[in-house]
Amino acid sequence: GAALTGFSSGLLALYLRTPALHKPRS
């Protein structure tokens, strides 16, 4: 669980930090 949580948290951080991947201000 710790390995998966760490790995997926990194992917979601990438998602949130890449503006082209999500709608503006959303």
mmCIF file of all heavy atoms, coordinates in Angstrom:
data_MODEL
# 
_entry.id   MODEL 
# 
loop_
_atom_site.group_PDB 
_atom_site.id 
_atom_site.type_symbol 
_atom_site.label_atom_id 
_atom_site.label_alt_id 
_atom_site.label_comp_id 
_atom_site.label_asym_id 
_atom_site.label_entity_id 
_atom_site.label_seq_id 
_atom_site.pdbx_PDB_ins_code 
_atom_site.Cartn_x 
_atom_site.Cartn_y 
_atom_site.Cartn_z 
_atom_site.occupancy 
_atom_site.B_iso_or_equiv 
_atom_site.pdbx_formal_charge 
_atom_site.auth_seq_id 
_atom_site.auth_comp_id 
_atom_site.auth_asym_id 
_atom_site.auth_atom_id 
_atom_site.pdbx_PDB_model_num 
ATOM 1   N N   . GLY A 1 1  ? 0.810   -1.215 0.000   1.00 0.00 ? 1  GLY A N   1 
ATOM 2   C CA  . GLY A 1 1  ? 0.000   0.000  0.000   1.00 0.00 ? 1  GLY A CA  1 
ATOM 3   C C   . GLY A 1 1  ? 0.842   1.263  0.000   1.00 0.00 ? 1  GLY A C   1 
ATOM 4   O O   . GLY A 1 1  ? 0.519   2.234  -0.681  1.00 0.00 ? 1  GLY A O   1 
ATOM 5   N N   . ALA A 1 2  ? 1.917   1.259  0.763   1.00 0.00 ? 2  ALA A N   1 
ATOM 6   C CA  . ALA A 1 2  ? 2.806   2.435  0.792   1.00 0.00 ? 2  ALA A CA  1 
ATOM 7   C C   . ALA A 1 2  ? 3.462   2.645  -0.568  1.00 0.00 ? 2  ALA A C   1 
ATOM 8   O O   . ALA A 1 2  ? 3.549   3.780  -1.058  1.00 0.00 ? 2  ALA A O   1 
ATOM 9   C CB  . ALA A 1 2  ? 3.864   2.266  1.873   1.00 0.00 ? 2  ALA A CB  1 
ATOM 10  N N   . ALA A 1 3  ? 3.907   1.560  -1.198  1.00 0.00 ? 3  ALA A N   1 
ATOM 11  C CA  . ALA A 1 3  ? 4.529   1.672  -2.524  1.00 0.00 ? 3  ALA A CA  1 
ATOM 12  C C   . ALA A 1 3  ? 3.527   2.213  -3.534  1.00 0.00 ? 3  ALA A C   1 
ATOM 13  O O   . ALA A 1 3  ? 3.832   3.134  -4.307  1.00 0.00 ? 3  ALA A O   1 
ATOM 14  C CB  . ALA A 1 3  ? 5.065   0.316  -2.970  1.00 0.00 ? 3  ALA A CB  1 
ATOM 15  N N   . LEU A 1 4  ? 2.321   1.663  -3.536  1.00 0.00 ? 4  LEU A N   1 
ATOM 16  C CA  . LEU A 1 4  ? 1.309   2.101  -4.504  1.00 0.00 ? 4  LEU A CA  1 
ATOM 17  C C   . LEU A 1 4  ? 0.845   3.528  -4.225  1.00 0.00 ? 4  LEU A C   1 
ATOM 18  O O   . LEU A 1 4  ? 0.666   4.312  -5.156  1.00 0.00 ? 4  LEU A O   1 
ATOM 19  C CB  . LEU A 1 4  ? 0.120   1.137  -4.482  1.00 0.00 ? 4  LEU A CB  1 
ATOM 20  C CG  . LEU A 1 4  ? -0.992  1.434  -5.480  1.00 0.00 ? 4  LEU A CG  1 
ATOM 21  C CD1 . LEU A 1 4  ? -0.465  1.508  -6.908  1.00 0.00 ? 4  LEU A CD1 1 
ATOM 22  C CD2 . LEU A 1 4  ? -2.086  0.393  -5.371  1.00 0.00 ? 4  LEU A CD2 1 
ATOM 23  N N   . THR A 1 5  ? 0.681   3.867  -2.966  1.00 0.00 ? 5  THR A N   1 
ATOM 24  C CA  . THR A 1 5  ? 0.259   5.226  -2.618  1.00 0.00 ? 5  THR A CA  1 
ATOM 25  C C   . THR A 1 5  ? 1.318   6.246  -3.036  1.00 0.00 ? 5  THR A C   1 
ATOM 26  O O   . THR A 1 5  ? 0.989   7.286  -3.615  1.00 0.00 ? 5  THR A O   1 
ATOM 27  C CB  . THR A 1 5  ? -0.039  5.329  -1.112  1.00 0.00 ? 5  THR A CB  1 
ATOM 28  O OG1 . THR A 1 5  ? -1.115  4.430  -0.806  1.00 0.00 ? 5  THR A OG1 1 
ATOM 29  C CG2 . THR A 1 5  ? -0.424  6.732  -0.703  1.00 0.00 ? 5  THR A CG2 1 
ATOM 30  N N   . GLY A 1 6  ? 2.574   5.939  -2.779  1.00 0.00 ? 6  GLY A N   1 
ATOM 31  C CA  . GLY A 1 6  ? 3.647   6.846  -3.196  1.00 0.00 ? 6  GLY A CA  1 
ATOM 32  C C   . GLY A 1 6  ? 3.716   6.993  -4.707  1.00 0.00 ? 6  GLY A C   1 
ATOM 33  O O   . GLY A 1 6  ? 3.817   8.111  -5.234  1.00 0.00 ? 6  GLY A O   1 
ATOM 34  N N   . PHE A 1 7  ? 3.651   5.875  -5.404  1.00 0.00 ? 7  PHE A N   1 
ATOM 35  C CA  . PHE A 1 7  ? 3.728   5.899  -6.864  1.00 0.00 ? 7  PHE A CA  1 
ATOM 36  C C   . PHE A 1 7  ? 2.549   6.671  -7.455  1.00 0.00 ? 7  PHE A C   1 
ATOM 37  O O   . PHE A 1 7  ? 2.731   7.568  -8.280  1.00 0.00 ? 7  PHE A O   1 
ATOM 38  C CB  . PHE A 1 7  ? 3.761   4.461  -7.404  1.00 0.00 ? 7  PHE A CB  1 
ATOM 39  C CG  . PHE A 1 7  ? 3.858   4.390  -8.892  1.00 0.00 ? 7  PHE A CG  1 
ATOM 40  C CD1 . PHE A 1 7  ? 5.048   4.675  -9.542  1.00 0.00 ? 7  PHE A CD1 1 
ATOM 41  C CD2 . PHE A 1 7  ? 2.755   4.051  -9.653  1.00 0.00 ? 7  PHE A CD2 1 
ATOM 42  C CE1 . PHE A 1 7  ? 5.144   4.632  -10.924 1.00 0.00 ? 7  PHE A CE1 1 
ATOM 43  C CE2 . PHE A 1 7  ? 2.831   4.000  -11.031 1.00 0.00 ? 7  PHE A CE2 1 
ATOM 44  C CZ  . PHE A 1 7  ? 4.027   4.282  -11.665 1.00 0.00 ? 7  PHE A CZ  1 
ATOM 45  N N   . SER A 1 8  ? 1.336   6.350  -7.030  1.00 0.00 ? 8  SER A N   1 
ATOM 46  C CA  . SER A 1 8  ? 0.167   7.013  -7.606  1.00 0.00 ? 8  SER A CA  1 
ATOM 47  C C   . SER A 1 8  ? 0.090   8.484  -7.196  1.00 0.00 ? 8  SER A C   1 
ATOM 48  O O   . SER A 1 8  ? -0.387  9.319  -7.972  1.00 0.00 ? 8  SER A O   1 
ATOM 49  C CB  . SER A 1 8  ? -1.115  6.271  -7.227  1.00 0.00 ? 8  SER A CB  1 
ATOM 50  O OG  . SER A 1 8  ? -1.276  6.205  -5.834  1.00 0.00 ? 8  SER A OG  1 
ATOM 51  N N   . SER A 1 9  ? 0.593   8.822  -6.018  1.00 0.00 ? 9  SER A N   1 
ATOM 52  C CA  . SER A 1 9  ? 0.629   10.239 -5.611  1.00 0.00 ? 9  SER A CA  1 
ATOM 53  C C   . SER A 1 9  ? 1.517   11.043 -6.550  1.00 0.00 ? 9  SER A C   1 
ATOM 54  O O   . SER A 1 9  ? 1.192   12.183 -6.904  1.00 0.00 ? 9  SER A O   1 
ATOM 55  C CB  . SER A 1 9  ? 1.133   10.370 -4.175  1.00 0.00 ? 9  SER A CB  1 
ATOM 56  O OG  . SER A 1 9  ? 0.212   9.814  -3.284  1.00 0.00 ? 9  SER A OG  1 
ATOM 57  N N   . GLY A 1 10 ? 2.635   10.454 -6.956  1.00 0.00 ? 10 GLY A N   1 
ATOM 58  C CA  . GLY A 1 10 ? 3.509   11.126 -7.918  1.00 0.00 ? 10 GLY A CA  1 
ATOM 59  C C   . GLY A 1 10 ? 2.810   11.349 -9.249  1.00 0.00 ? 10 GLY A C   1 
ATOM 60  O O   . GLY A 1 10 ? 2.932   12.424 -9.867  1.00 0.00 ? 10 GLY A O   1 
ATOM 61  N N   . LEU A 1 11 ? 2.070   10.356 -9.716  1.00 0.00 ? 11 LEU A N   1 
ATOM 62  C CA  . LEU A 1 11 ? 1.334   10.503 -10.978 1.00 0.00 ? 11 LEU A CA  1 
ATOM 63  C C   . LEU A 1 11 ? 0.252   11.570 -10.876 1.00 0.00 ? 11 LEU A C   1 
ATOM 64  O O   . LEU A 1 11 ? 0.055   12.368 -11.807 1.00 0.00 ? 11 LEU A O   1 
ATOM 65  C CB  . LEU A 1 11 ? 0.702   9.169  -11.381 1.00 0.00 ? 11 LEU A CB  1 
ATOM 66  C CG  . LEU A 1 11 ? 1.663   8.063  -11.782 1.00 0.00 ? 11 LEU A CG  1 
ATOM 67  C CD1 . LEU A 1 11 ? 0.914   6.748  -11.970 1.00 0.00 ? 11 LEU A CD1 1 
ATOM 68  C CD2 . LEU A 1 11 ? 2.413   8.433  -13.048 1.00 0.00 ? 11 LEU A CD2 1 
ATOM 69  N N   . LEU A 1 12 ? -0.443  11.597 -9.752  1.00 0.00 ? 12 LEU A N   1 
ATOM 70  C CA  . LEU A 1 12 ? -1.486  12.606 -9.588  1.00 0.00 ? 12 LEU A CA  1 
ATOM 71  C C   . LEU A 1 12 ? -0.894  14.004 -9.417  1.00 0.00 ? 12 LEU A C   1 
ATOM 72  O O   . LEU A 1 12 ? -1.481  14.981 -9.875  1.00 0.00 ? 12 LEU A O   1 
ATOM 73  C CB  . LEU A 1 12 ? -2.403  12.241 -8.425  1.00 0.00 ? 12 LEU A CB  1 
ATOM 74  C CG  . LEU A 1 12 ? -3.273  11.016 -8.714  1.00 0.00 ? 12 LEU A CG  1 
ATOM 75  C CD1 . LEU A 1 12 ? -4.032  10.589 -7.468  1.00 0.00 ? 12 LEU A CD1 1 
ATOM 76  C CD2 . LEU A 1 12 ? -4.223  11.270 -9.867  1.00 0.00 ? 12 LEU A CD2 1 
ATOM 77  N N   . ALA A 1 13 ? 0.264   14.105 -8.792  1.00 0.00 ? 13 ALA A N   1 
ATOM 78  C CA  . ALA A 1 13 ? 0.940   15.405 -8.706  1.00 0.00 ? 13 ALA A CA  1 
ATOM 79  C C   . ALA A 1 13 ? 1.329   15.884 -10.103 1.00 0.00 ? 13 ALA A C   1 
ATOM 80  O O   . ALA A 1 13 ? 1.163   17.063 -10.432 1.00 0.00 ? 13 ALA A O   1 
ATOM 81  C CB  . ALA A 1 13 ? 2.163   15.313 -7.803  1.00 0.00 ? 13 ALA A CB  1 
ATOM 82  N N   . LEU A 1 14 ? 1.815   14.969 -10.928 1.00 0.00 ? 14 LEU A N   1 
ATOM 83  C CA  . LEU A 1 14 ? 2.131   15.306 -12.323 1.00 0.00 ? 14 LEU A CA  1 
ATOM 84  C C   . LEU A 1 14 ? 0.879   15.822 -13.022 1.00 0.00 ? 14 LEU A C   1 
ATOM 85  O O   . LEU A 1 14 ? 0.915   16.843 -13.715 1.00 0.00 ? 14 LEU A O   1 
ATOM 86  C CB  . LEU A 1 14 ? 2.681   14.080 -13.050 1.00 0.00 ? 14 LEU A CB  1 
ATOM 87  C CG  . LEU A 1 14 ? 2.885   14.264 -14.543 1.00 0.00 ? 14 LEU A CG  1 
ATOM 88  C CD1 . LEU A 1 14 ? 4.337   14.602 -14.823 1.00 0.00 ? 14 LEU A CD1 1 
ATOM 89  C CD2 . LEU A 1 14 ? 2.485   13.020 -15.295 1.00 0.00 ? 14 LEU A CD2 1 
ATOM 90  N N   . TYR A 1 15 ? -0.226  15.142 -12.829 1.00 0.00 ? 15 TYR A N   1 
ATOM 91  C CA  . TYR A 1 15 ? -1.503  15.551 -13.424 1.00 0.00 ? 15 TYR A CA  1 
ATOM 92  C C   . TYR A 1 15 ? -1.891  16.962 -12.979 1.00 0.00 ? 15 TYR A C   1 
ATOM 93  O O   . TYR A 1 15 ? -2.222  17.817 -13.802 1.00 0.00 ? 15 TYR A O   1 
ATOM 94  C CB  . TYR A 1 15 ? -2.583  14.536 -13.036 1.00 0.00 ? 15 TYR A CB  1 
ATOM 95  C CG  . TYR A 1 15 ? -3.985  14.984 -13.337 1.00 0.00 ? 15 TYR A CG  1 
ATOM 96  C CD1 . TYR A 1 15 ? -4.466  14.939 -14.642 1.00 0.00 ? 15 TYR A CD1 1 
ATOM 97  C CD2 . TYR A 1 15 ? -4.833  15.432 -12.335 1.00 0.00 ? 15 TYR A CD2 1 
ATOM 98  C CE1 . TYR A 1 15 ? -5.768  15.343 -14.932 1.00 0.00 ? 15 TYR A CE1 1 
ATOM 99  C CE2 . TYR A 1 15 ? -6.128  15.832 -12.613 1.00 0.00 ? 15 TYR A CE2 1 
ATOM 100 C CZ  . TYR A 1 15 ? -6.588  15.790 -13.907 1.00 0.00 ? 15 TYR A CZ  1 
ATOM 101 O OH  . TYR A 1 15 ? -7.873  16.198 -14.192 1.00 0.00 ? 15 TYR A OH  1 
ATOM 102 N N   . LEU A 1 16 ? -1.837  17.215 -11.692 1.00 0.00 ? 16 LEU A N   1 
ATOM 103 C CA  . LEU A 1 16 ? -2.257  18.512 -11.165 1.00 0.00 ? 16 LEU A CA  1 
ATOM 104 C C   . LEU A 1 16 ? -1.303  19.642 -11.528 1.00 0.00 ? 16 LEU A C   1 
ATOM 105 O O   . LEU A 1 16 ? -1.720  20.796 -11.637 1.00 0.00 ? 16 LEU A O   1 
ATOM 106 C CB  . LEU A 1 16 ? -2.420  18.433 -9.642  1.00 0.00 ? 16 LEU A CB  1 
ATOM 107 C CG  . LEU A 1 16 ? -3.583  17.550 -9.178  1.00 0.00 ? 16 LEU A CG  1 
ATOM 108 C CD1 . LEU A 1 16 ? -3.523  17.350 -7.667  1.00 0.00 ? 16 LEU A CD1 1 
ATOM 109 C CD2 . LEU A 1 16 ? -4.922  18.142 -9.595  1.00 0.00 ? 16 LEU A CD2 1 
ATOM 110 N N   . ARG A 1 17 ? -0.020  19.318 -11.736 1.00 0.00 ? 17 ARG A N   1 
ATOM 111 C CA  . ARG A 1 17 ? 0.978   20.348 -12.062 1.00 0.00 ? 17 ARG A CA  1 
ATOM 112 C C   . ARG A 1 17 ? 1.120   20.593 -13.560 1.00 0.00 ? 17 ARG A C   1 
ATOM 113 O O   . ARG A 1 17 ? 1.919   21.434 -13.957 1.00 0.00 ? 17 ARG A O   1 
ATOM 114 C CB  . ARG A 1 17 ? 2.342   19.943 -11.488 1.00 0.00 ? 17 ARG A CB  1 
ATOM 115 C CG  . ARG A 1 17 ? 2.365   19.964 -9.988  1.00 0.00 ? 17 ARG A CG  1 
ATOM 116 C CD  . ARG A 1 17 ? 3.663   19.391 -9.454  1.00 0.00 ? 17 ARG A CD  1 
ATOM 117 N NE  . ARG A 1 17 ? 4.010   20.065 -8.235  1.00 0.00 ? 17 ARG A NE  1 
ATOM 118 C CZ  . ARG A 1 17 ? 5.234   20.393 -7.881  1.00 0.00 ? 17 ARG A CZ  1 
ATOM 119 N NH1 . ARG A 1 17 ? 6.257   20.099 -8.653  1.00 0.00 ? 17 ARG A NH1 1 
ATOM 120 N NH2 . ARG A 1 17 ? 5.459   21.006 -6.754  1.00 0.00 ? 17 ARG A NH2 1 
ATOM 121 N N   . THR A 1 18 ? 0.387   19.849 -14.367 1.00 0.00 ? 18 THR A N   1 
ATOM 122 C CA  . THR A 1 18 ? 0.463   20.001 -15.822 1.00 0.00 ? 18 THR A CA  1 
ATOM 123 C C   . THR A 1 18 ? -0.851  20.613 -16.307 1.00 0.00 ? 18 THR A C   1 
ATOM 124 O O   . THR A 1 18 ? -1.860  19.908 -16.457 1.00 0.00 ? 18 THR A O   1 
ATOM 125 C CB  . THR A 1 18 ? 0.725   18.646 -16.508 1.00 0.00 ? 18 THR A CB  1 
ATOM 126 O OG1 . THR A 1 18 ? 1.891   18.054 -15.925 1.00 0.00 ? 18 THR A OG1 1 
ATOM 127 C CG2 . THR A 1 18 ? 0.925   18.813 -18.004 1.00 0.00 ? 18 THR A CG2 1 
ATOM 128 N N   . PRO A 1 19 ? -0.867  21.925 -16.556 1.00 0.00 ? 19 PRO A N   1 
ATOM 129 C CA  . PRO A 1 19 ? -2.123  22.612 -16.898 1.00 0.00 ? 19 PRO A CA  1 
ATOM 130 C C   . PRO A 1 19 ? -2.870  22.008 -18.094 1.00 0.00 ? 19 PRO A C   1 
ATOM 131 O O   . PRO A 1 19 ? -4.103  22.004 -18.099 1.00 0.00 ? 19 PRO A O   1 
ATOM 132 C CB  . PRO A 1 19 ? -1.670  24.048 -17.198 1.00 0.00 ? 19 PRO A CB  1 
ATOM 133 C CG  . PRO A 1 19 ? -0.414  24.207 -16.411 1.00 0.00 ? 19 PRO A CG  1 
ATOM 134 C CD  . PRO A 1 19 ? 0.254   22.855 -16.447 1.00 0.00 ? 19 PRO A CD  1 
ATOM 135 N N   . ALA A 1 20 ? -2.172  21.483 -19.064 1.00 0.00 ? 20 ALA A N   1 
ATOM 136 C CA  . ALA A 1 20 ? -2.848  20.932 -20.245 1.00 0.00 ? 20 ALA A CA  1 
ATOM 137 C C   . ALA A 1 20 ? -3.654  19.676 -19.934 1.00 0.00 ? 20 ALA A C   1 
ATOM 138 O O   . ALA A 1 20 ? -4.511  19.272 -20.734 1.00 0.00 ? 20 ALA A O   1 
ATOM 139 C CB  . ALA A 1 20 ? -1.824  20.615 -21.333 1.00 0.00 ? 20 ALA A CB  1 
ATOM 140 N N   . LEU A 1 21 ? -3.416  19.071 -18.776 1.00 0.00 ? 21 LEU A N   1 
ATOM 141 C CA  . LEU A 1 21 ? -4.100  17.815 -18.447 1.00 0.00 ? 21 LEU A CA  1 
ATOM 142 C C   . LEU A 1 21 ? -5.446  18.017 -17.744 1.00 0.00 ? 21 LEU A C   1 
ATOM 143 O O   . LEU A 1 21 ? -6.225  17.077 -17.622 1.00 0.00 ? 21 LEU A O   1 
ATOM 144 C CB  . LEU A 1 21 ? -3.199  16.928 -17.584 1.00 0.00 ? 21 LEU A CB  1 
ATOM 145 C CG  . LEU A 1 21 ? -1.907  16.458 -18.242 1.00 0.00 ? 21 LEU A CG  1 
ATOM 146 C CD1 . LEU A 1 21 ? -1.129  15.562 -17.289 1.00 0.00 ? 21 LEU A CD1 1 
ATOM 147 C CD2 . LEU A 1 21 ? -2.181  15.741 -19.560 1.00 0.00 ? 21 LEU A CD2 1 
ATOM 148 N N   . HIS A 1 22 ? -5.709  19.237 -17.272 1.00 0.00 ? 22 HIS A N   1 
ATOM 149 C CA  . HIS A 1 22 ? -6.999  19.480 -16.619 1.00 0.00 ? 22 HIS A CA  1 
ATOM 150 C C   . HIS A 1 22 ? -7.571  20.811 -17.058 1.00 0.00 ? 22 HIS A C   1 
ATOM 151 O O   . HIS A 1 22 ? -6.864  21.676 -17.581 1.00 0.00 ? 22 HIS A O   1 
ATOM 152 C CB  . HIS A 1 22 ? -6.878  19.400 -15.090 1.00 0.00 ? 22 HIS A CB  1 
ATOM 153 C CG  . HIS A 1 22 ? -5.817  20.267 -14.512 1.00 0.00 ? 22 HIS A CG  1 
ATOM 154 N ND1 . HIS A 1 22 ? -6.011  21.579 -14.195 1.00 0.00 ? 22 HIS A ND1 1 
ATOM 155 C CD2 . HIS A 1 22 ? -4.528  19.999 -14.211 1.00 0.00 ? 22 HIS A CD2 1 
ATOM 156 C CE1 . HIS A 1 22 ? -4.894  22.087 -13.712 1.00 0.00 ? 22 HIS A CE1 1 
ATOM 157 N NE2 . HIS A 1 22 ? -3.974  21.142 -13.713 1.00 0.00 ? 22 HIS A NE2 1 
ATOM 158 N N   . LYS A 1 23 ? -8.869  20.954 -16.856 1.00 0.00 ? 23 LYS A N   1 
ATOM 159 C CA  . LYS A 1 23 ? -9.557  22.183 -17.250 1.00 0.00 ? 23 LYS A CA  1 
ATOM 160 C C   . LYS A 1 23 ? -9.065  23.338 -16.382 1.00 0.00 ? 23 LYS A C   1 
ATOM 161 O O   . LYS A 1 23 ? -8.685  23.130 -15.223 1.00 0.00 ? 23 LYS A O   1 
ATOM 162 C CB  . LYS A 1 23 ? -11.063 21.997 -17.095 1.00 0.00 ? 23 LYS A CB  1 
ATOM 163 C CG  . LYS A 1 23 ? -11.618 20.951 -18.055 1.00 0.00 ? 23 LYS A CG  1 
ATOM 164 C CD  . LYS A 1 23 ? -13.089 20.713 -17.813 1.00 0.00 ? 23 LYS A CD  1 
ATOM 165 C CE  . LYS A 1 23 ? -13.588 19.625 -18.765 1.00 0.00 ? 23 LYS A CE  1 
ATOM 166 N NZ  . LYS A 1 23 ? -14.969 19.259 -18.488 1.00 0.00 ? 23 LYS A NZ  1 
ATOM 167 N N   . PRO A 1 24 ? -9.069  24.558 -16.922 1.00 0.00 ? 24 PRO A N   1 
ATOM 168 C CA  . PRO A 1 24 ? -8.598  25.718 -16.160 1.00 0.00 ? 24 PRO A CA  1 
ATOM 169 C C   . PRO A 1 24 ? -9.327  25.864 -14.815 1.00 0.00 ? 24 PRO A C   1 
ATOM 170 O O   . PRO A 1 24 ? -10.542 25.725 -14.738 1.00 0.00 ? 24 PRO A O   1 
ATOM 171 C CB  . PRO A 1 24 ? -8.903  26.906 -17.075 1.00 0.00 ? 24 PRO A CB  1 
ATOM 172 C CG  . PRO A 1 24 ? -8.969  26.310 -18.445 1.00 0.00 ? 24 PRO A CG  1 
ATOM 173 C CD  . PRO A 1 24 ? -9.516  24.923 -18.265 1.00 0.00 ? 24 PRO A CD  1 
ATOM 174 N N   . ARG A 1 25 ? -8.564  26.093 -13.761 1.00 0.00 ? 25 ARG A N   1 
ATOM 175 C CA  . ARG A 1 25 ? -9.082  26.291 -12.401 1.00 0.00 ? 25 ARG A CA  1 
ATOM 176 C C   . ARG A 1 25 ? -9.995  25.146 -11.947 1.00 0.00 ? 25 ARG A C   1 
ATOM 177 O O   . ARG A 1 25 ? -10.979 25.359 -11.247 1.00 0.00 ? 25 ARG A O   1 
ATOM 178 C CB  . ARG A 1 25 ? -9.793  27.645 -12.294 1.00 0.00 ? 25 ARG A CB  1 
ATOM 179 C CG  . ARG A 1 25 ? -8.860  28.845 -12.492 1.00 0.00 ? 25 ARG A CG  1 
ATOM 180 C CD  . ARG A 1 25 ? -9.588  30.165 -12.516 1.00 0.00 ? 25 ARG A CD  1 
ATOM 181 N NE  . ARG A 1 25 ? -10.642 30.278 -13.519 1.00 0.00 ? 25 ARG A NE  1 
ATOM 182 C CZ  . ARG A 1 25 ? -10.438 30.457 -14.840 1.00 0.00 ? 25 ARG A CZ  1 
ATOM 183 N NH1 . ARG A 1 25 ? -9.222  30.544 -15.313 1.00 0.00 ? 25 ARG A NH1 1 
ATOM 184 N NH2 . ARG A 1 25 ? -11.458 30.551 -15.659 1.00 0.00 ? 25 ARG A NH2 1 
ATOM 185 N N   . SER A 1 26 ? -9.658  23.928 -12.364 1.00 0.00 ? 26 SER A N   1 
ATOM 186 C CA  . SER A 1 26 ? -10.489 22.770 -12.046 1.00 0.00 ? 26 SER A CA  1 
ATOM 187 C C   . SER A 1 26 ? -9.609  21.531 -11.866 1.00 0.00 ? 26 SER A C   1 
ATOM 188 O O   . SER A 1 26 ? -8.507  21.473 -12.399 1.00 0.00 ? 26 SER A O   1 
ATOM 189 C CB  . SER A 1 26 ? -11.476 22.525 -13.192 1.00 0.00 ? 26 SER A CB  1 
ATOM 190 O OG  . SER A 1 26 ? -12.185 21.325 -13.012 1.00 0.00 ? 26 SER A OG  1 
# 
